[in-house]
C-alpha atoms as a PDB file:
ATOM      1  CA  MET A   1     161.505  43.625  11.502  1.00  0.00           C
ATOM      2  CA  ALA A   2     158.582  41.731  10.076  1.00  0.00           C
ATOM      3  CA  LYS A   3     155.486  43.778   9.676  1.00  0.00           C
ATOM      4  CA  ALA A   4     152.768  42.836  12.160  1.00  0.00           C
ATOM      5  CA  THR A   5     149.682  41.365  10.578  1.00  0.00           C
ATOM      6  CA  GLU A   6     146.131  41.569  11.764  1.00  0.00           C
ATOM      7  CA  ALA A   7     145.468  38.869  14.339  1.00  0.00           C
ATOM      8  CA  ALA A   8     142.832  36.402  13.323  1.00  0.00           C
ATOM      9  CA  ILE A   9     139.996  35.481  15.636  1.00  0.00           C
ATOM     10  CA  PRO A  10     140.470  31.805  16.576  1.00  0.00           C
ATOM     11  CA  GLU A  11     137.728  29.456  15.478  1.00  0.00           C
ATOM     12  CA  PRO A  12     135.765  28.160  18.483  1.00  0.00           C
ATOM     13  CA  THR A  13     136.264  24.513  19.273  1.00  0.00           C
ATOM     14  CA  SER A  14     133.389  22.150  19.802  1.00  0.00           C
ATOM     15  CA  ASP A  15     132.798  20.639  23.247  1.00  0.00           C
ATOM     16  CA  LEU A  16     129.496  18.990  22.488  1.00  0.00           C
ATOM     17  CA  ARG A  17     128.984  15.746  24.290  1.00  0.00           C
ATOM     18  CA  PRO A  18     129.049  12.645  22.068  1.00  0.00           C
ATOM     19  CA  GLU A  19     125.428  11.818  22.752  1.00  0.00           C
ATOM     20  CA  SER A  20     124.305  15.224  21.461  1.00  0.00           C
ATOM     21  CA  ARG A  21     125.869  14.816  18.004  1.00  0.00           C
ATOM     22  CA  ALA A  22     123.770  13.945  14.951  1.00  0.00           C
ATOM     23  CA  THR A  23     124.948  10.334  14.688  1.00  0.00           C
ATOM     24  CA  PRO A  24     122.991   7.228  13.582  1.00  0.00           C
ATOM     25  CA  SER A  25     122.658   6.209  17.229  1.00  0.00           C
ATOM     26  CA  TYR A  26     121.096   9.606  17.969  1.00  0.00           C
ATOM     27  CA  TYR A  27     118.416   9.048  15.330  1.00  0.00           C
ATOM     28  CA  LEU A  28     117.824   5.478  16.528  1.00  0.00           C
ATOM     29  CA  HIS A  29     117.313   6.576  20.130  1.00  0.00           C
ATOM     30  CA  ALA A  30     115.106   9.482  19.025  1.00  0.00           C
ATOM     31  CA  PHE A  31     112.987   7.091  16.953  1.00  0.00           C
ATOM     32  CA  LEU A  32     112.588   4.579  19.766  1.00  0.00           C
ATOM     33  CA  ASP A  33     111.855   7.259  22.363  1.00  0.00           C
ATOM     34  CA  ASN A  34     108.977   8.534  20.235  1.00  0.00           C
ATOM     35  CA  PHE A  35     107.785   5.304  18.590  1.00  0.00           C
ATOM     36  CA  ILE A  36     107.189   3.210  21.715  1.00  0.00           C
ATOM     37  CA  PRO A  37     104.775   5.672  23.415  1.00  0.00           C
ATOM     38  CA  LEU A  38     102.968   6.269  20.107  1.00  0.00           C
ATOM     39  CA  ALA A  39     102.622   2.528  19.500  1.00  0.00           C
ATOM     40  CA  PHE A  40     101.065   2.130  22.946  1.00  0.00           C
ATOM     41  CA  VAL A  41      98.569   4.943  22.256  1.00  0.00           C
ATOM     42  CA  LEU A  42      97.607   3.410  18.887  1.00  0.00           C
ATOM     43  CA  LEU A  43      97.079  -0.022  20.441  1.00  0.00           C
ATOM     44  CA  LEU A  44      94.924   1.511  23.164  1.00  0.00           C
ATOM     45  CA  TRP A  45      92.991   3.459  20.515  1.00  0.00           C
ATOM     46  CA  GLU A  46      92.387   0.282  18.495  1.00  0.00           C
ATOM     47  CA  GLY A  47      91.082  -1.556  21.555  1.00  0.00           C
ATOM     48  CA  VAL A  48      88.740   1.220  22.654  1.00  0.00           C
ATOM     49  CA  ALA A  49      87.403   1.703  19.105  1.00  0.00           C
ATOM     50  CA  ARG A  50      86.632  -2.000  18.727  1.00  0.00           C
ATOM     51  CA  LEU A  51      84.620  -1.917  21.942  1.00  0.00           C
ATOM     52  CA  GLU A  52      82.417   0.698  20.205  1.00  0.00           C
ATOM     53  CA  ILE A  53      82.065   2.762  23.351  1.00  0.00           C
ATOM     54  CA  ILE A  54      81.931   5.692  20.970  1.00  0.00           C
ATOM     55  CA  HIS A  55      80.017   5.395  17.701  1.00  0.00           C
ATOM     56  CA  PRO A  56      82.300   3.991  14.953  1.00  0.00           C
ATOM     57  CA  ALA A  57      81.386   6.879  12.646  1.00  0.00           C
ATOM     58  CA  LEU A  58      82.943   9.269  15.164  1.00  0.00           C
ATOM     59  CA  PHE A  59      85.786   7.082  16.436  1.00  0.00           C
ATOM     60  CA  PRO A  60      86.973   4.587  13.783  1.00  0.00           C
ATOM     61  CA  THR A  61      89.635   1.986  14.481  1.00  0.00           C
ATOM     62  CA  VAL A  62      93.286   2.607  13.742  1.00  0.00           C
ATOM     63  CA  THR A  63      93.119  -0.163  11.151  1.00  0.00           C
ATOM     64  CA  GLU A  64      90.347   1.623   9.258  1.00  0.00           C
ATOM     65  CA  ILE A  65      92.196   4.943   9.420  1.00  0.00           C
ATOM     66  CA  PHE A  66      95.464   3.565   8.070  1.00  0.00           C
ATOM     67  CA  THR A  67      93.627   1.568   5.407  1.00  0.00           C
ATOM     68  CA  LYS A  68      91.945   4.769   4.234  1.00  0.00           C
ATOM     69  CA  MET A  69      95.233   6.664   4.415  1.00  0.00           C
ATOM     70  CA  TRP A  70      96.960   4.025   2.281  1.00  0.00           C
ATOM     71  CA  GLY A  71      94.152   4.060  -0.262  1.00  0.00           C
ATOM     72  CA  LEU A  72      94.175   7.832  -0.652  1.00  0.00           C
ATOM     73  CA  THR A  73      97.957   7.756  -0.930  1.00  0.00           C
ATOM     74  CA  LEU A  74      97.827   5.189  -3.739  1.00  0.00           C
ATOM     75  CA  GLU A  75      95.245   7.332  -5.519  1.00  0.00           C
ATOM     76  CA  GLY A  76      97.644  10.261  -5.284  1.00  0.00           C
ATOM     77  CA  ILE A  77      95.234  12.452  -3.333  1.00  0.00           C
ATOM     78  CA  PHE A  78      97.252  12.667  -0.134  1.00  0.00           C
ATOM     79  CA  LEU A  79     100.529  12.972  -2.019  1.00  0.00           C
ATOM     80  CA  LYS A  80      99.155  15.960  -3.921  1.00  0.00           C
ATOM     81  CA  ASP A  81      97.853  17.540  -0.715  1.00  0.00           C
ATOM     82  CA  VAL A  82     101.156  17.014   1.096  1.00  0.00           C
ATOM     83  CA  ALA A  83     103.120  18.473  -1.828  1.00  0.00           C
ATOM     84  CA  HIS A  84     100.984  21.624  -1.938  1.00  0.00           C
ATOM     85  CA  SER A  85     101.096  22.092   1.835  1.00  0.00           C
ATOM     86  CA  LEU A  86     104.873  21.659   1.971  1.00  0.00           C
ATOM     87  CA  LEU A  87     105.372  24.059  -0.923  1.00  0.00           C
ATOM     88  CA  ARG A  88     103.349  26.723   0.873  1.00  0.00           C
ATOM     89  CA  LEU A  89     105.160  26.065   4.142  1.00  0.00           C
ATOM     90  CA  LEU A  90     108.712  26.042   2.792  1.00  0.00           C
ATOM     91  CA  SER A  91     108.243  29.113   0.599  1.00  0.00           C
ATOM     92  CA  SER A  92     106.737  30.995   3.552  1.00  0.00           C
ATOM     93  CA  VAL A  93     109.497  29.982   5.965  1.00  0.00           C
ATOM     94  CA  PHE A  94     112.113  30.915   3.356  1.00  0.00           C
ATOM     95  CA  PHE A  95     110.796  34.487   3.174  1.00  0.00           C
ATOM     96  CA  ALA A  96     110.397  34.587   6.962  1.00  0.00           C
ATOM     97  CA  ILE A  97     114.022  33.545   7.519  1.00  0.00           C
ATOM     98  CA  ILE A  98     115.299  36.315   5.264  1.00  0.00           C
ATOM     99  CA  VAL A  99     113.151  39.075   6.782  1.00  0.00           C
ATOM    100  CA  GLY A 100     113.290  37.855  10.384  1.00  0.00           C
ATOM    101  CA  THR A 101     117.053  37.296  10.443  1.00  0.00           C
ATOM    102  CA  ILE A 102     117.899  40.651   8.866  1.00  0.00           C
ATOM    103  CA  CYS A 103     115.532  42.570  11.147  1.00  0.00           C
ATOM    104  CA  GLY A 104     116.729  40.669  14.218  1.00  0.00           C
ATOM    105  CA  LEU A 105     120.383  41.392  13.443  1.00  0.00           C
ATOM    106  CA  LEU A 106     119.612  45.072  12.877  1.00  0.00           C
ATOM    107  CA  MET A 107     117.706  45.202  16.166  1.00  0.00           C
ATOM    108  CA  GLY A 108     120.588  43.591  18.006  1.00  0.00           C
ATOM    109  CA  THR A 109     123.220  45.925  16.606  1.00  0.00           C
ATOM    110  CA  SER A 110     121.309  49.206  16.384  1.00  0.00           C
ATOM    111  CA  ARG A 111     119.621  50.839  19.355  1.00  0.00           C
ATOM    112  CA  TRP A 112     117.271  53.023  17.294  1.00  0.00           C
ATOM    113  CA  VAL A 113     116.122  50.095  15.123  1.00  0.00           C
ATOM    114  CA  GLU A 114     115.461  48.151  18.324  1.00  0.00           C
ATOM    115  CA  LYS A 115     113.319  50.960  19.745  1.00  0.00           C
ATOM    116  CA  ILE A 116     111.282  51.162  16.529  1.00  0.00           C
ATOM    117  CA  ILE A 117     110.604  47.432  16.052  1.00  0.00           C
ATOM    118  CA  ILE A 118     110.227  46.072  19.611  1.00  0.00           C
ATOM    119  CA  PRO A 119     106.795  47.654  20.421  1.00  0.00           C
ATOM    120  CA  PRO A 120     104.991  46.386  17.279  1.00  0.00           C
ATOM    121  CA  LEU A 121     106.828  43.050  17.579  1.00  0.00           C
ATOM    122  CA  ASN A 122     105.503  42.505  21.106  1.00  0.00           C
ATOM    123  CA  PHE A 123     102.033  43.598  19.983  1.00  0.00           C
ATOM    124  CA  PHE A 124     101.814  41.100  17.109  1.00  0.00           C
ATOM    125  CA  LEU A 125     103.346  38.282  19.156  1.00  0.00           C
ATOM    126  CA  ALA A 126     100.419  38.632  21.568  1.00  0.00           C
ATOM    127  CA  ILE A 127      97.902  38.040  18.749  1.00  0.00           C
ATOM    128  CA  PRO A 128      97.104  34.448  17.708  1.00  0.00           C
ATOM    129  CA  GLY A 129      98.459  33.963  14.200  1.00  0.00           C
ATOM    130  CA  ILE A 130      95.216  32.770  12.655  1.00  0.00           C
ATOM    131  CA  ALA A 131      93.398  35.872  13.971  1.00  0.00           C
ATOM    132  CA  ILE A 132      94.955  38.082  11.292  1.00  0.00           C
ATOM    133  CA  PHE A 133      94.071  35.671   8.492  1.00  0.00           C
ATOM    134  CA  PRO A 134      90.571  37.111   7.840  1.00  0.00           C
ATOM    135  CA  ILE A 135      92.149  40.569   7.461  1.00  0.00           C
ATOM    136  CA  VAL A 136      94.733  39.212   5.022  1.00  0.00           C
ATOM    137  CA  ILE A 137      91.906  37.619   3.029  1.00  0.00           C
ATOM    138  CA  LEU A 138      90.423  41.106   2.597  1.00  0.00           C
ATOM    139  CA  TRP A 139      93.699  42.174   1.009  1.00  0.00           C
ATOM    140  CA  PHE A 140      94.485  39.164  -1.168  1.00  0.00           C
ATOM    141  CA  GLY A 141      91.213  37.212  -1.338  1.00  0.00           C
ATOM    142  CA  LEU A 142      91.005  33.421  -0.936  1.00  0.00           C
ATOM    143  CA  THR A 143      94.317  32.827  -2.685  1.00  0.00           C
ATOM    144  CA  GLU A 144      97.740  31.274  -2.184  1.00  0.00           C
ATOM    145  CA  LYS A 145      99.100  34.760  -1.529  1.00  0.00           C
ATOM    146  CA  ALA A 146      96.892  35.136   1.549  1.00  0.00           C
ATOM    147  CA  ILE A 147      98.217  31.916   3.095  1.00  0.00           C
ATOM    148  CA  ILE A 148     101.866  32.538   2.237  1.00  0.00           C
ATOM    149  CA  PHE A 149     101.766  36.137   3.477  1.00  0.00           C
ATOM    150  CA  THR A 150     100.195  35.097   6.789  1.00  0.00           C
ATOM    151  CA  LEU A 151     102.660  32.264   7.343  1.00  0.00           C
ATOM    152  CA  SER A 152     105.673  34.398   6.414  1.00  0.00           C
ATOM    153  CA  PHE A 153     104.586  37.235   8.665  1.00  0.00           C
ATOM    154  CA  GLU A 154     103.914  35.037  11.686  1.00  0.00           C
ATOM    155  CA  ALA A 155     107.064  32.915  11.309  1.00  0.00           C
ATOM    156  CA  SER A 156     109.227  36.025  10.932  1.00  0.00           C
ATOM    157  CA  LEU A 157     108.076  37.254  14.354  1.00  0.00           C
ATOM    158  CA  SER A 158     109.599  34.281  16.191  1.00  0.00           C
ATOM    159  CA  ILE A 159     112.749  34.394  14.071  1.00  0.00           C
ATOM    160  CA  MET A 160     113.127  38.131  14.652  1.00  0.00           C
ATOM    161  CA  LEU A 161     112.681  37.796  18.414  1.00  0.00           C
ATOM    162  CA  ASN A 162     115.189  34.953  18.814  1.00  0.00           C
ATOM    163  CA  THR A 163     117.762  36.551  16.509  1.00  0.00           C
ATOM    164  CA  TRP A 164     117.562  39.800  18.444  1.00  0.00           C
ATOM    165  CA  GLY A 165     117.822  37.949  21.755  1.00  0.00           C
ATOM    166  CA  GLY A 166     120.792  35.927  20.539  1.00  0.00           C
ATOM    167  CA  VAL A 167     122.713  39.014  19.466  1.00  0.00           C
ATOM    168  CA  LYS A 168     121.921  40.896  22.682  1.00  0.00           C
ATOM    169  CA  SER A 169     123.032  37.945  24.820  1.00  0.00           C
ATOM    170  CA  VAL A 170     126.535  37.759  23.312  1.00  0.00           C
ATOM    171  CA  ASP A 171     129.122  38.250  26.034  1.00  0.00           C
ATOM    172  CA  ILE A 172     130.668  41.695  25.616  1.00  0.00           C
ATOM    173  CA  SER A 173     134.015  40.257  26.714  1.00  0.00           C
ATOM    174  CA  LEU A 174     134.125  38.225  23.466  1.00  0.00           C
ATOM    175  CA  ILE A 175     133.732  41.391  21.427  1.00  0.00           C
ATOM    176  CA  ASN A 176     136.314  43.241  23.519  1.00  0.00           C
ATOM    177  CA  ALA A 177     138.733  40.334  23.093  1.00  0.00           C
ATOM    178  CA  GLY A 178     138.221  40.437  19.343  1.00  0.00           C
ATOM    179  CA  ARG A 179     138.922  44.158  19.229  1.00  0.00           C
ATOM    180  CA  ALA A 180     142.029  43.657  21.367  1.00  0.00           C
ATOM    181  CA  LEU A 181     143.288  41.122  18.810  1.00  0.00           C
ATOM    182  CA  GLY A 182     142.871  43.711  16.054  1.00  0.00           C
ATOM    183  CA  ALA A 183     139.702  42.364  14.431  1.00  0.00           C
ATOM    184  CA  ASN A 184     137.784  44.746  12.214  1.00  0.00           C
ATOM    185  CA  ASP A 185     133.988  45.074  12.194  1.00  0.00           C
ATOM    186  CA  TYR A 186     133.641  42.412   9.485  1.00  0.00           C
ATOM    187  CA  ASN A 187     135.592  39.815  11.478  1.00  0.00           C
ATOM    188  CA  LEU A 188     133.820  40.744  14.693  1.00  0.00           C
ATOM    189  CA  PHE A 189     130.461  40.144  13.066  1.00  0.00           C
ATOM    190  CA  TYR A 190     131.216  36.899  11.222  1.00  0.00           C
ATOM    191  CA  LYS A 191     133.682  35.323  13.653  1.00  0.00           C
ATOM    192  CA  VAL A 192     132.413  36.489  17.033  1.00  0.00           C
ATOM    193  CA  LEU A 193     128.895  37.935  17.038  1.00  0.00           C
ATOM    194  CA  LEU A 194     127.199  35.635  14.539  1.00  0.00           C
ATOM    195  CA  PRO A 195     128.650  32.317  15.834  1.00  0.00           C
ATOM    196  CA  ALA A 196     127.769  33.246  19.422  1.00  0.00           C
ATOM    197  CA  ALA A 197     124.192  34.165  18.449  1.00  0.00           C
ATOM    198  CA  LEU A 198     123.702  31.250  16.033  1.00  0.00           C
ATOM    199  CA  PRO A 199     122.155  28.752  18.508  1.00  0.00           C
ATOM    200  CA  SER A 200     119.428  31.280  19.363  1.00  0.00           C
ATOM    201  CA  ILE A 201     118.914  32.078  15.678  1.00  0.00           C
ATOM    202  CA  ILE A 202     118.461  28.402  14.788  1.00  0.00           C
ATOM    203  CA  THR A 203     116.035  28.022  17.699  1.00  0.00           C
ATOM    204  CA  GLY A 204     114.094  30.910  16.185  1.00  0.00           C
ATOM    205  CA  TYR A 205     113.959  29.054  12.868  1.00  0.00           C
ATOM    206  CA  ARG A 206     112.475  26.020  14.614  1.00  0.00           C
ATOM    207  CA  GLN A 207     109.925  28.123  16.464  1.00  0.00           C
ATOM    208  CA  GLY A 208     109.039  30.033  13.314  1.00  0.00           C
ATOM    209  CA  PHE A 209     108.552  26.773  11.447  1.00  0.00           C
ATOM    210  CA  SER A 210     106.298  25.395  14.187  1.00  0.00           C
ATOM    211  CA  ARG A 211     104.259  28.598  14.243  1.00  0.00           C
ATOM    212  CA  ALA A 212     103.853  28.551  10.458  1.00  0.00           C
ATOM    213  CA  TRP A 213     102.969  24.835  10.398  1.00  0.00           C
ATOM    214  CA  ARG A 214     100.087  25.281  12.832  1.00  0.00           C
ATOM    215  CA  ILE A 215      98.711  28.306  11.010  1.00  0.00           C
ATOM    216  CA  LEU A 216      99.068  26.599   7.621  1.00  0.00           C
ATOM    217  CA  VAL A 217      96.545  23.877   8.415  1.00  0.00           C
ATOM    218  CA  ALA A 218      93.999  26.360   9.775  1.00  0.00           C
ATOM    219  CA  GLY A 219      94.597  28.680   6.823  1.00  0.00           C
ATOM    220  CA  GLU A 220      93.957  25.899   4.306  1.00  0.00           C
ATOM    221  CA  MET A 221      90.701  25.126   6.090  1.00  0.00           C
ATOM    222  CA  LEU A 222      89.525  28.728   5.997  1.00  0.00           C
ATOM    223  CA  ALA A 223      90.707  29.519   2.486  1.00  0.00           C
ATOM    224  CA  SER A 224      89.265  26.333   0.939  1.00  0.00           C
ATOM    225  CA  ILE A 225      91.546  26.665  -2.089  1.00  0.00           C
ATOM    226  CA  GLY A 226      91.090  23.056  -3.202  1.00  0.00           C
ATOM    227  CA  THR A 227      94.361  21.469  -2.137  1.00  0.00           C
ATOM    228  CA  GLY A 228      96.345  20.897   1.042  1.00  0.00           C
ATOM    229  CA  ILE A 229      96.014  18.731   4.114  1.00  0.00           C
ATOM    230  CA  GLY A 230      93.937  21.302   5.967  1.00  0.00           C
ATOM    231  CA  PHE A 231      91.517  21.579   3.054  1.00  0.00           C
ATOM    232  CA  ARG A 232      91.209  17.772   2.858  1.00  0.00           C
ATOM    233  CA  ILE A 233      90.316  17.524   6.553  1.00  0.00           C
ATOM    234  CA  PHE A 234      87.768  20.327   6.294  1.00  0.00           C
ATOM    235  CA  GLU A 235      86.194  18.773   3.212  1.00  0.00           C
ATOM    236  CA  ALA A 236      85.960  15.395   4.950  1.00  0.00           C
ATOM    237  CA  ARG A 237      84.151  17.037   7.875  1.00  0.00           C
ATOM    238  CA  ALA A 238      81.369  18.173   5.521  1.00  0.00           C
ATOM    239  CA  PHE A 239      80.820  14.534   4.438  1.00  0.00           C
ATOM    240  CA  LEU A 240      81.283  13.069   7.950  1.00  0.00           C
ATOM    241  CA  ALA A 241      84.246  11.047   6.641  1.00  0.00           C
ATOM    242  CA  SER A 242      85.901  10.669  10.031  1.00  0.00           C
ATOM    243  CA  ASP A 243      88.470   8.157   8.772  1.00  0.00           C
ATOM    244  CA  VAL A 244      89.776  10.744   6.274  1.00  0.00           C
ATOM    245  CA  MET A 245      89.812  13.414   8.971  1.00  0.00           C
ATOM    246  CA  TYR A 246      91.817  11.271  11.372  1.00  0.00           C
ATOM    247  CA  ALA A 247      94.137  10.197   8.562  1.00  0.00           C
ATOM    248  CA  GLY A 248      94.806  13.836   7.726  1.00  0.00           C
ATOM    249  CA  VAL A 249      95.545  14.656  11.360  1.00  0.00           C
ATOM    250  CA  ILE A 250      97.990  11.734  11.576  1.00  0.00           C
ATOM    251  CA  ILE A 251      99.776  12.899   8.420  1.00  0.00           C
ATOM    252  CA  ILE A 252     100.074  16.385   9.921  1.00  0.00           C
ATOM    253  CA  GLY A 253     101.677  14.875  13.015  1.00  0.00           C
ATOM    254  CA  ILE A 254     104.082  12.700  11.030  1.00  0.00           C
ATOM    255  CA  LEU A 255     105.183  15.533   8.749  1.00  0.00           C
ATOM    256  CA  GLY A 256     105.562  17.943  11.642  1.00  0.00           C
ATOM    257  CA  PHE A 257     107.703  15.444  13.529  1.00  0.00           C
ATOM    258  CA  LEU A 258     109.923  14.663  10.543  1.00  0.00           C
ATOM    259  CA  LEU A 259     110.454  18.291   9.593  1.00  0.00           C
ATOM    260  CA  GLU A 260     110.829  19.775  13.064  1.00  0.00           C
ATOM    261  CA  ARG A 261     112.429  16.968  15.075  1.00  0.00           C
ATOM    262  CA  VAL A 262     114.543  15.411  12.324  1.00  0.00           C
ATOM    263  CA  ALA A 263     115.395  18.031   9.690  1.00  0.00           C
ATOM    264  CA  LEU A 264     115.540  21.215  11.782  1.00  0.00           C
ATOM    265  CA  ARG A 265     116.895  19.422  14.850  1.00  0.00           C
ATOM    266  CA  SER A 266     119.731  18.039  12.735  1.00  0.00           C
ATOM    267  CA  LEU A 267     120.451  21.537  11.436  1.00  0.00           C
ATOM    268  CA  GLU A 268     120.554  22.844  15.000  1.00  0.00           C
ATOM    269  CA  ILE A 269     122.915  20.091  16.149  1.00  0.00           C
ATOM    270  CA  PHE A 270     125.163  20.570  13.121  1.00  0.00           C
ATOM    271  CA  THR A 271     125.300  24.308  13.729  1.00  0.00           C
ATOM    272  CA  VAL A 272     126.277  24.189  17.385  1.00  0.00           C
ATOM    273  CA  GLN A 273     128.600  21.279  16.663  1.00  0.00           C
ATOM    274  CA  ARG A 274     130.314  23.308  13.940  1.00  0.00           C
ATOM    275  CA  TRP A 275     130.745  26.404  16.088  1.00  0.00           C
ATOM    276  CA  GLY A 276     130.947  24.697  19.478  1.00  0.00           C
ATOM    277  CA  MET A 277     128.995  27.401  21.267  1.00  0.00           C
ATOM    278  CA  VAL A 278     126.898  25.174  23.560  1.00  0.00           C
ATOM    279  CA  ARG A 279     127.697  22.088  25.546  1.00  0.00           C
ATOM    280  CA  GLU A 280     124.516  20.044  25.171  1.00  0.00           C
ATOM    281  CA  LEU A 281     121.178  20.367  23.398  1.00  0.00           C
END
């Protein structure tokens, strides 16, 4: 008689609807859905600014703002600021993903770890992220370390919470079915628990990124370390250069949209499409 082998856990099949997949048509529709309302707002802004209802020094036209933005980009100023801001953001989120994911998985699989981490986690989630920045400055001074530590810490909170929630929400019947098929702890974790929790984990990455992105701009303003989009806006305020300030705000919006709605959204769609754990995003 042939010796029985350990039953493998079947790979989940994807049942995502076609319109939820990361296809070219998805990106086209996403672009149009966001571009048309924004174009209307910019046209309205241009018209109101040209009427000079508000003083031009406080409310410049869209044409003036984009002209200034293009000029600073050609000079390399905005490109340098964007590069420094993105480097701070990505390095912070990288550390946050490592710490937040590991802690969240431990919380979801260990009752005593959960009891230890949940109270301080809820406490820090109730505090606005930028509120701890002055304290971090006392530790590290007005340095890159202060910004990166603050961003990493705050982003890890959202990642930790969503990872923990994803693990705790896994249907126990899936785990019992895996055990009935002879799966060991390794297979249960990588083929049952992790795939089922992955949509929540990826959502935590998106939320952590958004949290870090907002704090980054404020941190660059407070730290005044000489580079970054937040620093450029704060510097322009001192010289009443409203066109530079508005240009910086627009760049923040564009970068945030591209990173969060395009890059991370694509990662989320790819993940759930690969594992087939949700029907529609």
